[in-house]
Amino acid sequence: TAALSGVSRSMLSQIERGEANPSVAILGKIAAALKVPAEVLLENDDFT
């Protein structure tokens, strides 16, 4: 995923652990690498 997105493995790991706030540009790169719209990464489903 890091190779596909151009985001370092370290940064990607920090983002996945919730330790880093990704910029819009980084979110765009990750979304492109995962082949999903960027808004999917922002979905906050805490519906009970």
All heavy atoms as atom14 arrays in JSON, in Angstrom:
{
  "sequence": "TAALSGVSRSMLSQIERGEANPSVAILGKIAAALKVPAEVLLENDDFT",
  "atom14_mask": [
    [1, 1, 1, 1, 1, 1, 1, 0, 0, 0, 0, 0, 0, 0],
    [1, 1, 1, 1, 1, 0, 0, 0, 0, 0, 0, 0, 0, 0],
    [1, 1, 1, 1, 1, 0, 0, 0, 0, 0, 0, 0, 0, 0],
    [1, 1, 1, 1, 1, 1, 1, 1, 0, 0, 0, 0, 0, 0],
    [1, 1, 1, 1, 1, 1, 0, 0, 0, 0, 0, 0, 0, 0],
    [1, 1, 1, 1, 0, 0, 0, 0, 0, 0, 0, 0, 0, 0],
    [1, 1, 1, 1, 1, 1, 1, 0, 0, 0, 0, 0, 0, 0],
    [1, 1, 1, 1, 1, 1, 0, 0, 0, 0, 0, 0, 0, 0],
    [1, 1, 1, 1, 1, 1, 1, 1, 1, 1, 1, 0, 0, 0],
    [1, 1, 1, 1, 1, 1, 0, 0, 0, 0, 0, 0, 0, 0],
    [1, 1, 1, 1, 1, 1, 1, 1, 0, 0, 0, 0, 0, 0],
    [1, 1, 1, 1, 1, 1, 1, 1, 0, 0, 0, 0, 0, 0],
    [1, 1, 1, 1, 1, 1, 0, 0, 0, 0, 0, 0, 0, 0],
    [1, 1, 1, 1, 1, 1, 1, 1, 1, 0, 0, 0, 0, 0],
    [1, 1, 1, 1, 1, 1, 1, 1, 0, 0, 0, 0, 0, 0],
    [1, 1, 1, 1, 1, 1, 1, 1, 1, 0, 0, 0, 0, 0],
    [1, 1, 1, 1, 1, 1, 1, 1, 1, 1, 1, 0, 0, 0],
    [1, 1, 1, 1, 0, 0, 0, 0, 0, 0, 0, 0, 0, 0],
    [1, 1, 1, 1, 1, 1, 1, 1, 1, 0, 0, 0, 0, 0],
    [1, 1, 1, 1, 1, 0, 0, 0, 0, 0, 0, 0, 0, 0],
    [1, 1, 1, 1, 1, 1, 1, 1, 0, 0, 0, 0, 0, 0],
    [1, 1, 1, 1, 1, 1, 1, 0, 0, 0, 0, 0, 0, 0],
    [1, 1, 1, 1, 1, 1, 0, 0, 0, 0, 0, 0, 0, 0],
    [1, 1, 1, 1, 1, 1, 1, 0, 0, 0, 0, 0, 0, 0],
    [1, 1, 1, 1, 1, 0, 0, 0, 0, 0, 0, 0, 0, 0],
    [1, 1, 1, 1, 1, 1, 1, 1, 0, 0, 0, 0, 0, 0],
    [1, 1, 1, 1, 1, 1, 1, 1, 0, 0, 0, 0, 0, 0],
    [1, 1, 1, 1, 0, 0, 0, 0, 0, 0, 0, 0, 0, 0],
    [1, 1, 1, 1, 1, 1, 1, 1, 1, 0, 0, 0, 0, 0],
    [1, 1, 1, 1, 1, 1, 1, 1, 0, 0, 0, 0, 0, 0],
    [1, 1, 1, 1, 1, 0, 0, 0, 0, 0, 0, 0, 0, 0],
    [1, 1, 1, 1, 1, 0, 0, 0, 0, 0, 0, 0, 0, 0],
    [1, 1, 1, 1, 1, 0, 0, 0, 0, 0, 0, 0, 0, 0],
    [1, 1, 1, 1, 1, 1, 1, 1, 0, 0, 0, 0, 0, 0],
    [1, 1, 1, 1, 1, 1, 1, 1, 1, 0, 0, 0, 0, 0],
    [1, 1, 1, 1, 1, 1, 1, 0, 0, 0, 0, 0, 0, 0],
    [1, 1, 1, 1, 1, 1, 1, 0, 0, 0, 0, 0, 0, 0],
    [1, 1, 1, 1, 1, 0, 0, 0, 0, 0, 0, 0, 0, 0],
    [1, 1, 1, 1, 1, 1, 1, 1, 1, 0, 0, 0, 0, 0],
    [1, 1, 1, 1, 1, 1, 1, 0, 0, 0, 0, 0, 0, 0],
    [1, 1, 1, 1, 1, 1, 1, 1, 0, 0, 0, 0, 0, 0],
    [1, 1, 1, 1, 1, 1, 1, 1, 0, 0, 0, 0, 0, 0],
    [1, 1, 1, 1, 1, 1, 1, 1, 1, 0, 0, 0, 0, 0],
    [1, 1, 1, 1, 1, 1, 1, 1, 0, 0, 0, 0, 0, 0],
    [1, 1, 1, 1, 1, 1, 1, 1, 0, 0, 0, 0, 0, 0],
    [1, 1, 1, 1, 1, 1, 1, 1, 0, 0, 0, 0, 0, 0],
    [1, 1, 1, 1, 1, 1, 1, 1, 1, 1, 1, 0, 0, 0],
    [1, 1, 1, 1, 1, 1, 1, 0, 0, 0, 0, 0, 0, 0]
  ],
  "atom14_positions": [
    [[0.84, -1.2, 0.0], [0.0, 0.0, 0.0], [0.87, 1.25, 0.0], [0.57, 2.23, -0.7], [-0.96, 0.01, 1.21], [-1.7, -1.23, 1.22], [-1.93, 1.17, 1.15], [0.0, 0.0, 0.0], [0.0, 0.0, 0.0], [0.0, 0.0, 0.0], [0.0, 0.0, 0.0], [0.0, 0.0, 0.0], [0.0, 0.0, 0.0], [0.0, 0.0, 0.0]],
    [[1.95, 1.21, 0.76], [2.89, 2.34, 0.8], [3.5, 2.56, -0.59], [3.57, 3.69, -1.07], [3.99, 2.08, 1.83], [0.0, 0.0, 0.0], [0.0, 0.0, 0.0], [0.0, 0.0, 0.0], [0.0, 0.0, 0.0], [0.0, 0.0, 0.0], [0.0, 0.0, 0.0], [0.0, 0.0, 0.0], [0.0, 0.0, 0.0], [0.0, 0.0, 0.0]],
    [[3.88, 1.49, -1.24], [4.49, 1.6, -2.57], [3.47, 2.14, -3.59], [3.81, 3.0, -4.41], [5.02, 0.24, -3.03], [0.0, 0.0, 0.0], [0.0, 0.0, 0.0], [0.0, 0.0, 0.0], [0.0, 0.0, 0.0], [0.0, 0.0, 0.0], [0.0, 0.0, 0.0], [0.0, 0.0, 0.0], [0.0, 0.0, 0.0], [0.0, 0.0, 0.0]],
    [[2.25, 1.66, -3.53], [1.21, 2.11, -4.47], [0.8, 3.57, -4.24], [0.47, 4.28, -5.19], [-0.03, 1.22, -4.36], [0.1, -0.21, -4.86], [-1.13, -1.04, -4.48], [0.29, -0.22, -6.38], [0.0, 0.0, 0.0], [0.0, 0.0, 0.0], [0.0, 0.0, 0.0], [0.0, 0.0, 0.0], [0.0, 0.0, 0.0], [0.0, 0.0, 0.0]],
    [[0.84, 3.99, -2.99], [0.35, 5.33, -2.66], [1.44, 6.4, -2.66], [1.15, 7.59, -2.77], [-0.33, 5.32, -1.29], [0.62, 5.04, -0.26], [0.0, 0.0, 0.0], [0.0, 0.0, 0.0], [0.0, 0.0, 0.0], [0.0, 0.0, 0.0], [0.0, 0.0, 0.0], [0.0, 0.0, 0.0], [0.0, 0.0, 0.0], [0.0, 0.0, 0.0]],
    [[2.69, 5.97, -2.48], [3.77, 6.94, -2.34], [3.84, 7.52, -0.93], [4.55, 8.49, -0.68], [0.0, 0.0, 0.0], [0.0, 0.0, 0.0], [0.0, 0.0, 0.0], [0.0, 0.0, 0.0], [0.0, 0.0, 0.0], [0.0, 0.0, 0.0], [0.0, 0.0, 0.0], [0.0, 0.0, 0.0], [0.0, 0.0, 0.0], [0.0, 0.0, 0.0]],
    [[3.1, 6.93, 0.0], [3.14, 7.33, 1.41], [4.04, 6.33, 2.12], [3.9, 5.11, 1.91], [1.72, 7.32, 2.03], [1.76, 7.64, 3.51], [0.81, 8.3, 1.29], [0.0, 0.0, 0.0], [0.0, 0.0, 0.0], [0.0, 0.0, 0.0], [0.0, 0.0, 0.0], [0.0, 0.0, 0.0], [0.0, 0.0, 0.0], [0.0, 0.0, 0.0]],
    [[4.94, 6.81, 2.94], [5.89, 5.89, 3.59], [5.16, 4.86, 4.45], [4.08, 5.14, 4.98], [6.88, 6.66, 4.45], [6.26, 7.15, 5.63], [0.0, 0.0, 0.0], [0.0, 0.0, 0.0], [0.0, 0.0, 0.0], [0.0, 0.0, 0.0], [0.0, 0.0, 0.0], [0.0, 0.0, 0.0], [0.0, 0.0, 0.0], [0.0, 0.0, 0.0]],
    [[5.77, 3.69, 4.58], [5.2, 2.62, 5.4], [5.03, 3.1, 6.83], [4.03, 2.83, 7.48], [6.1, 1.39, 5.36], [5.51, 0.22, 6.13], [6.54, -0.87, 6.45], [5.99, -1.98, 7.15], [5.63, -1.97, 8.42], [5.74, -0.88, 9.15], [5.13, -3.05, 9.0], [0.0, 0.0, 0.0], [0.0, 0.0, 0.0], [0.0, 0.0, 0.0]],
    [[5.99, 3.84, 7.33], [5.95, 4.36, 8.7], [4.75, 5.29, 8.89], [4.0, 5.16, 9.87], [7.25, 5.1, 9.0], [7.15, 5.75, 10.23], [0.0, 0.0, 0.0], [0.0, 0.0, 0.0], [0.0, 0.0, 0.0], [0.0, 0.0, 0.0], [0.0, 0.0, 0.0], [0.0, 0.0, 0.0], [0.0, 0.0, 0.0], [0.0, 0.0, 0.0]],
    [[4.54, 6.21, 7.94], [3.42, 7.15, 8.03], [2.09, 6.4, 7.92], [1.16, 6.67, 8.67], [3.52, 8.22, 6.94], [2.32, 9.15, 6.9], [1.98, 9.99, 8.44], [2.92, 11.47, 8.21], [0.0, 0.0, 0.0], [0.0, 0.0, 0.0], [0.0, 0.0, 0.0], [0.0, 0.0, 0.0], [0.0, 0.0, 0.0], [0.0, 0.0, 0.0]],
    [[2.01, 5.47, 7.0], [0.8, 4.68, 6.82], [0.47, 3.9, 8.1], [-0.69, 3.86, 8.53], [0.97, 3.72, 5.63], [-0.26, 3.03, 5.1], [-1.35, 4.02, 4.7], [0.1, 2.15, 3.92], [0.0, 0.0, 0.0], [0.0, 0.0, 0.0], [0.0, 0.0, 0.0], [0.0, 0.0, 0.0], [0.0, 0.0, 0.0], [0.0, 0.0, 0.0]],
    [[1.45, 3.34, 8.72], [1.27, 2.6, 9.97], [0.76, 3.53, 11.08], [-0.14, 3.18, 11.83], [2.59, 1.94, 10.38], [2.42, 1.25, 11.6], [0.0, 0.0, 0.0], [0.0, 0.0, 0.0], [0.0, 0.0, 0.0], [0.0, 0.0, 0.0], [0.0, 0.0, 0.0], [0.0, 0.0, 0.0], [0.0, 0.0, 0.0], [0.0, 0.0, 0.0]],
    [[1.33, 4.73, 11.16], [0.89, 5.7, 12.16], [-0.57, 6.11, 11.91], [-1.36, 6.26, 12.85], [1.78, 6.94, 12.14], [3.15, 6.71, 12.72], [4.03, 7.96, 12.58], [3.62, 8.98, 12.06], [5.28, 7.83, 13.05], [0.0, 0.0, 0.0], [0.0, 0.0, 0.0], [0.0, 0.0, 0.0], [0.0, 0.0, 0.0], [0.0, 0.0, 0.0]],
    [[-0.93, 6.3, 10.66], [-2.31, 6.67, 10.32], [-3.26, 5.55, 10.72], [-4.3, 5.8, 11.32], [-2.43, 6.99, 8.8], [-1.65, 8.26, 8.47], [-3.9, 7.12, 8.39], [-1.5, 8.51, 6.97], [0.0, 0.0, 0.0], [0.0, 0.0, 0.0], [0.0, 0.0, 0.0], [0.0, 0.0, 0.0], [0.0, 0.0, 0.0], [0.0, 0.0, 0.0]],
    [[-2.91, 4.3, 10.4], [-3.77, 3.17, 10.74], [-3.92, 2.96, 12.24], [-4.91, 2.41, 12.7], [-3.26, 1.89, 10.08], [-3.58, 1.79, 8.61], [-3.34, 0.39, 8.04], [-2.99, -0.54, 8.8], [-3.52, 0.24, 6.83], [0.0, 0.0, 0.0], [0.0, 0.0, 0.0], [0.0, 0.0, 0.0], [0.0, 0.0, 0.0], [0.0, 0.0, 0.0]],
    [[-2.92, 3.38, 13.01], [-3.01, 3.27, 14.47], [-3.71, 4.49, 15.08], [-3.92, 4.55, 16.28], [-1.61, 3.12, 15.08], [-0.97, 1.78, 14.79], [0.26, 1.53, 15.65], [1.21, 2.63, 15.66], [2.24, 2.77, 14.84], [2.48, 1.86, 13.9], [3.05, 3.81, 14.93], [0.0, 0.0, 0.0], [0.0, 0.0, 0.0], [0.0, 0.0, 0.0]],
    [[-4.06, 5.48, 14.24], [-4.72, 6.68, 14.73], [-3.78, 7.65, 15.4], [-4.2, 8.55, 16.12], [0.0, 0.0, 0.0], [0.0, 0.0, 0.0], [0.0, 0.0, 0.0], [0.0, 0.0, 0.0], [0.0, 0.0, 0.0], [0.0, 0.0, 0.0], [0.0, 0.0, 0.0], [0.0, 0.0, 0.0], [0.0, 0.0, 0.0], [0.0, 0.0, 0.0]],
    [[-2.48, 7.5, 15.16], [-1.47, 8.35, 15.79], [-1.11, 9.55, 14.94], [-0.44, 10.46, 15.43], [-0.21, 7.53, 16.09], [-0.46, 6.4, 17.07], [0.74, 5.47, 17.2], [1.74, 5.65, 16.47], [0.65, 4.53, 18.01], [0.0, 0.0, 0.0], [0.0, 0.0, 0.0], [0.0, 0.0, 0.0], [0.0, 0.0, 0.0], [0.0, 0.0, 0.0]],
    [[-1.5, 9.56, 13.68], [-1.18, 10.67, 12.79], [-2.44, 11.11, 12.06], [-3.28, 10.28, 11.69], [-0.1, 10.25, 11.78], [0.0, 0.0, 0.0], [0.0, 0.0, 0.0], [0.0, 0.0, 0.0], [0.0, 0.0, 0.0], [0.0, 0.0, 0.0], [0.0, 0.0, 0.0], [0.0, 0.0, 0.0], [0.0, 0.0, 0.0], [0.0, 0.0, 0.0]],
    [[-2.57, 12.41, 11.87], [-3.68, 12.98, 11.1], [-3.21, 13.18, 9.66], [-2.38, 14.05, 9.41], [-4.11, 14.33, 11.66], [-4.9, 14.21, 12.92], [-5.62, 13.25, 13.11], [-4.76, 15.19, 13.8], [0.0, 0.0, 0.0], [0.0, 0.0, 0.0], [0.0, 0.0, 0.0], [0.0, 0.0, 0.0], [0.0, 0.0, 0.0], [0.0, 0.0, 0.0]],
    [[-3.74, 12.4, 8.74], [-3.29, 12.56, 7.35], [-3.86, 13.82, 6.72], [-4.97, 14.23, 7.01], [-3.83, 11.31, 6.66], [-5.01, 10.92, 7.47], [-4.7, 11.32, 8.89], [0.0, 0.0, 0.0], [0.0, 0.0, 0.0], [0.0, 0.0, 0.0], [0.0, 0.0, 0.0], [0.0, 0.0, 0.0], [0.0, 0.0, 0.0], [0.0, 0.0, 0.0]],
    [[-3.08, 14.45, 5.88], [-3.56, 15.61, 5.13], [-4.52, 15.14, 4.04], [-4.61, 13.94, 3.75], [-2.38, 16.35, 4.49], [-1.81, 15.54, 3.47], [0.0, 0.0, 0.0], [0.0, 0.0, 0.0], [0.0, 0.0, 0.0], [0.0, 0.0, 0.0], [0.0, 0.0, 0.0], [0.0, 0.0, 0.0], [0.0, 0.0, 0.0], [0.0, 0.0, 0.0]],
    [[-5.22, 16.07, 3.44], [-6.13, 15.73, 2.35], [-5.34, 15.11, 1.19], [-5.79, 14.14, 0.57], [-6.89, 16.99, 1.88], [-7.72, 16.7, 0.65], [-7.77, 17.53, 3.0], [0.0, 0.0, 0.0], [0.0, 0.0, 0.0], [0.0, 0.0, 0.0], [0.0, 0.0, 0.0], [0.0, 0.0, 0.0], [0.0, 0.0, 0.0], [0.0, 0.0, 0.0]],
    [[-4.15, 15.62, 0.93], [-3.32, 15.09, -0.16], [-2.94, 13.63, 0.11], [-3.0, 12.79, -0.79], [-2.07, 15.94, -0.34], [0.0, 0.0, 0.0], [0.0, 0.0, 0.0], [0.0, 0.0, 0.0], [0.0, 0.0, 0.0], [0.0, 0.0, 0.0], [0.0, 0.0, 0.0], [0.0, 0.0, 0.0], [0.0, 0.0, 0.0], [0.0, 0.0, 0.0]],
    [[-2.59, 13.34, 1.35], [-2.21, 11.96, 1.69], [-3.43, 11.05, 1.62], [-3.34, 9.92, 1.11], [-1.53, 11.91, 3.07], [-0.14, 12.54, 2.97], [-1.43, 10.48, 3.6], [0.63, 12.62, 4.26], [0.0, 0.0, 0.0], [0.0, 0.0, 0.0], [0.0, 0.0, 0.0], [0.0, 0.0, 0.0], [0.0, 0.0, 0.0], [0.0, 0.0, 0.0]],
    [[-4.56, 11.53, 2.11], [-5.78, 10.72, 2.0], [-6.1, 10.41, 0.54], [-6.51, 9.3, 0.2], [-6.97, 11.43, 2.64], [-7.11, 11.32, 4.15], [-8.32, 12.11, 4.63], [-7.22, 9.88, 4.6], [0.0, 0.0, 0.0], [0.0, 0.0, 0.0], [0.0, 0.0, 0.0], [0.0, 0.0, 0.0], [0.0, 0.0, 0.0], [0.0, 0.0, 0.0]],
    [[-5.92, 11.39, -0.33], [-6.14, 11.19, -1.76], [-5.22, 10.13, -2.33], [-5.65, 9.29, -3.13], [0.0, 0.0, 0.0], [0.0, 0.0, 0.0], [0.0, 0.0, 0.0], [0.0, 0.0, 0.0], [0.0, 0.0, 0.0], [0.0, 0.0, 0.0], [0.0, 0.0, 0.0], [0.0, 0.0, 0.0], [0.0, 0.0, 0.0], [0.0, 0.0, 0.0]],
    [[-3.95, 10.14, -1.94], [-3.0, 9.14, -2.42], [-3.38, 7.74, -1.93], [-3.31, 6.77, -2.69], [-1.59, 9.48, -1.93], [-0.98, 10.69, -2.61], [0.4, 10.96, -2.03], [1.06, 12.15, -2.69], [2.42, 12.38, -2.18], [0.0, 0.0, 0.0], [0.0, 0.0, 0.0], [0.0, 0.0, 0.0], [0.0, 0.0, 0.0], [0.0, 0.0, 0.0]],
    [[-3.78, 7.65, -0.65], [-4.15, 6.35, -0.1], [-5.42, 5.83, -0.78], [-5.51, 4.65, -1.13], [-4.33, 6.43, 1.43], [-2.99, 6.76, 2.11], [-4.9, 5.13, 2.0], [-3.1, 7.12, 3.59], [0.0, 0.0, 0.0], [0.0, 0.0, 0.0], [0.0, 0.0, 0.0], [0.0, 0.0, 0.0], [0.0, 0.0, 0.0], [0.0, 0.0, 0.0]],
    [[-6.39, 6.71, -0.98], [-7.63, 6.32, -1.65], [-7.35, 5.82, -3.06], [-7.92, 4.8, -3.49], [-8.61, 7.5, -1.68], [0.0, 0.0, 0.0], [0.0, 0.0, 0.0], [0.0, 0.0, 0.0], [0.0, 0.0, 0.0], [0.0, 0.0, 0.0], [0.0, 0.0, 0.0], [0.0, 0.0, 0.0], [0.0, 0.0, 0.0], [0.0, 0.0, 0.0]],
    [[-6.48, 6.5, -3.78], [-6.13, 6.07, -5.14], [-5.45, 4.7, -5.12], [-5.76, 3.84, -5.95], [-5.22, 7.11, -5.8], [0.0, 0.0, 0.0], [0.0, 0.0, 0.0], [0.0, 0.0, 0.0], [0.0, 0.0, 0.0], [0.0, 0.0, 0.0], [0.0, 0.0, 0.0], [0.0, 0.0, 0.0], [0.0, 0.0, 0.0], [0.0, 0.0, 0.0]],
    [[-4.58, 4.49, -4.15], [-3.89, 3.2, -4.05], [-4.87, 2.08, -3.72], [-4.74, 0.96, -4.22], [-2.79, 3.27, -2.98], [0.0, 0.0, 0.0], [0.0, 0.0, 0.0], [0.0, 0.0, 0.0], [0.0, 0.0, 0.0], [0.0, 0.0, 0.0], [0.0, 0.0, 0.0], [0.0, 0.0, 0.0], [0.0, 0.0, 0.0], [0.0, 0.0, 0.0]],
    [[-5.87, 2.38, -2.89], [-6.86, 1.38, -2.5], [-8.01, 1.28, -3.52], [-8.88, 0.42, -3.4], [-7.43, 1.7, -1.12], [-6.43, 1.65, 0.05], [-7.09, 2.13, 1.34], [-5.86, 0.24, 0.22], [0.0, 0.0, 0.0], [0.0, 0.0, 0.0], [0.0, 0.0, 0.0], [0.0, 0.0, 0.0], [0.0, 0.0, 0.0], [0.0, 0.0, 0.0]],
    [[-8.0, 2.19, -4.5], [-9.01, 2.24, -5.56], [-10.43, 2.42, -5.0], [-11.37, 1.71, -5.36], [-8.92, 1.01, -6.46], [-7.61, 0.93, -7.2], [-7.55, -0.26, -8.1], [-6.18, -0.23, -8.79], [-5.86, -1.45, -9.46], [0.0, 0.0, 0.0], [0.0, 0.0, 0.0], [0.0, 0.0, 0.0], [0.0, 0.0, 0.0], [0.0, 0.0, 0.0]],
    [[-10.54, 3.41, -4.08], [-11.84, 3.78, -3.51], [-11.94, 5.3, -3.53], [-10.92, 6.0, -3.5], [-12.01, 3.27, -2.05], [-12.01, 1.75, -1.99], [-10.98, 3.86, -1.11], [0.0, 0.0, 0.0], [0.0, 0.0, 0.0], [0.0, 0.0, 0.0], [0.0, 0.0, 0.0], [0.0, 0.0, 0.0], [0.0, 0.0, 0.0], [0.0, 0.0, 0.0]],
    [[-13.16, 5.85, -3.56], [-13.3, 7.3, -3.45], [-12.78, 7.78, -2.09], [-12.95, 7.09, -1.08], [-14.81, 7.54, -3.57], [-15.37, 6.28, -4.15], [-14.44, 5.18, -3.75], [0.0, 0.0, 0.0], [0.0, 0.0, 0.0], [0.0, 0.0, 0.0], [0.0, 0.0, 0.0], [0.0, 0.0, 0.0], [0.0, 0.0, 0.0], [0.0, 0.0, 0.0]],
    [[-12.17, 8.94, -2.05], [-11.6, 9.46, -0.8], [-12.64, 9.58, 0.29], [-12.34, 9.36, 1.47], [-10.92, 10.8, -1.06], [0.0, 0.0, 0.0], [0.0, 0.0, 0.0], [0.0, 0.0, 0.0], [0.0, 0.0, 0.0], [0.0, 0.0, 0.0], [0.0, 0.0, 0.0], [0.0, 0.0, 0.0], [0.0, 0.0, 0.0], [0.0, 0.0, 0.0]],
    [[-13.89, 9.9, -0.07], [-14.92, 10.07, 0.97], [-15.2, 8.78, 1.73], [-15.64, 8.81, 2.87], [-16.21, 10.67, 0.4], [-16.86, 9.89, -0.69], [-16.49, 10.37, -2.09], [-15.49, 11.08, -2.25], [-17.2, 10.01, -3.03], [0.0, 0.0, 0.0], [0.0, 0.0, 0.0], [0.0, 0.0, 0.0], [0.0, 0.0, 0.0], [0.0, 0.0, 0.0]],
    [[-14.91, 7.62, 1.12], [-15.09, 6.34, 1.81], [-14.16, 6.25, 3.01], [-14.51, 5.69, 4.05], [-14.86, 5.16, 0.84], [-14.8, 3.84, 1.56], [-15.95, 5.14, -0.21], [0.0, 0.0, 0.0], [0.0, 0.0, 0.0], [0.0, 0.0, 0.0], [0.0, 0.0, 0.0], [0.0, 0.0, 0.0], [0.0, 0.0, 0.0], [0.0, 0.0, 0.0]],
    [[-12.99, 6.84, 2.89], [-12.04, 6.82, 4.0], [-12.5, 7.68, 5.16], [-12.09, 7.49, 6.3], [-10.65, 7.27, 3.54], [-10.01, 6.48, 2.4], [-8.64, 7.03, 2.07], [-9.95, 5.0, 2.74], [0.0, 0.0, 0.0], [0.0, 0.0, 0.0], [0.0, 0.0, 0.0], [0.0, 0.0, 0.0], [0.0, 0.0, 0.0], [0.0, 0.0, 0.0]],
    [[-13.38, 8.65, 4.89], [-13.87, 9.57, 5.92], [-15.17, 9.11, 6.56], [-15.66, 9.76, 7.49], [-14.07, 10.96, 5.31], [-12.81, 11.64, 4.81], [-13.17, 12.9, 4.04], [-11.87, 11.96, 5.95], [0.0, 0.0, 0.0], [0.0, 0.0, 0.0], [0.0, 0.0, 0.0], [0.0, 0.0, 0.0], [0.0, 0.0, 0.0], [0.0, 0.0, 0.0]],
    [[-15.76, 8.02, 6.09], [-17.03, 7.55, 6.65], [-16.86, 7.26, 8.13], [-15.9, 6.65, 8.56], [-17.53, 6.31, 5.91], [-18.03, 6.64, 4.53], [-18.52, 5.42, 3.77], [-18.43, 4.28, 4.29], [-18.99, 5.6, 2.64], [0.0, 0.0, 0.0], [0.0, 0.0, 0.0], [0.0, 0.0, 0.0], [0.0, 0.0, 0.0], [0.0, 0.0, 0.0]],
    [[-17.83, 7.75, 8.89], [-17.8, 7.6, 10.34], [-19.09, 6.93, 10.77], [-20.07, 7.59, 11.07], [-17.63, 8.97, 11.0], [-17.38, 8.87, 12.48], [-17.38, 7.78, 13.05], [-17.19, 10.0, 13.11], [0.0, 0.0, 0.0], [0.0, 0.0, 0.0], [0.0, 0.0, 0.0], [0.0, 0.0, 0.0], [0.0, 0.0, 0.0], [0.0, 0.0, 0.0]],
    [[-19.1, 5.64, 10.79], [-20.31, 4.88, 11.07], [-20.36, 4.45, 12.53], [-19.98, 3.35, 12.87], [-20.38, 3.65, 10.16], [-21.7, 2.92, 10.27], [-22.61, 3.45, 10.93], [-21.81, 1.82, 9.71], [0.0, 0.0, 0.0], [0.0, 0.0, 0.0], [0.0, 0.0, 0.0], [0.0, 0.0, 0.0], [0.0, 0.0, 0.0], [0.0, 0.0, 0.0]],
    [[-20.85, 5.35, 13.38], [-21.03, 4.97, 14.77], [-22.51, 4.78, 15.08], [-22.96, 4.92, 16.2], [-20.4, 5.99, 15.71], [-20.99, 7.39, 15.57], [-21.8, 7.6, 14.66], [-20.62, 8.25, 16.38], [0.0, 0.0, 0.0], [0.0, 0.0, 0.0], [0.0, 0.0, 0.0], [0.0, 0.0, 0.0], [0.0, 0.0, 0.0], [0.0, 0.0, 0.0]],
    [[-23.28, 4.45, 14.05], [-24.71, 4.22, 14.19], [-24.96, 2.97, 15.01], [-24.37, 1.92, 14.78], [-25.35, 4.07, 12.8], [-26.82, 3.74, 12.86], [-27.73, 4.7, 13.23], [-27.27, 2.47, 12.55], [-29.09, 4.41, 13.28], [-28.61, 2.17, 12.59], [-29.52, 3.14, 12.96], [0.0, 0.0, 0.0], [0.0, 0.0, 0.0], [0.0, 0.0, 0.0]],
    [[-25.83, 3.09, 15.98], [-26.25, 1.95, 16.79], [-27.69, 1.66, 16.48], [-28.55, 2.53, 16.62], [-26.09, 2.28, 18.3], [-24.74, 2.65, 18.54], [-26.46, 1.11, 19.16], [0.0, 0.0, 0.0], [0.0, 0.0, 0.0], [0.0, 0.0, 0.0], [0.0, 0.0, 0.0], [0.0, 0.0, 0.0], [0.0, 0.0, 0.0], [0.0, 0.0, 0.0]]
  ]
}
